[in-house]
């Protein structure tokens, strides 16, 4: 069983930055691929970024490429999402997710990741 707890959400002005963190309670964190999904009101869940078990393969949605950066620390059981140059359309609930299998790209359905955190709200507004 994997428990995921996100932190770091909040209100930020357009152009600003936020760093989300996810702490995983699991025995062998390095066995799990990690990702961040987001869901805006009235929208479907969207895969924002994913990172494989060792961190040497990452994926970014086109909408965040060049602005967001995912990283993981397998010694601390954490995965972070650094968000820069935030836009109002980045407003959503952000979820940290995990699975033994690495899934990325447009064809990766939310169900591919079996473990989800409770989510943290990110609001980009002036």
Foldseek 3Di string as FASTA:
>chain_A
DKAKAKDWADEAAAQAKTKMKIAIDDDQLLLKKKFKWWDDVPGDIGTAKIAHSVRPDMDGDPVQPPFKDWDDDRVRRMIMIIGGSDDQVVWTWMKMFIDSDTDDDPPDDPVRTPYIYPTDTHGYHD
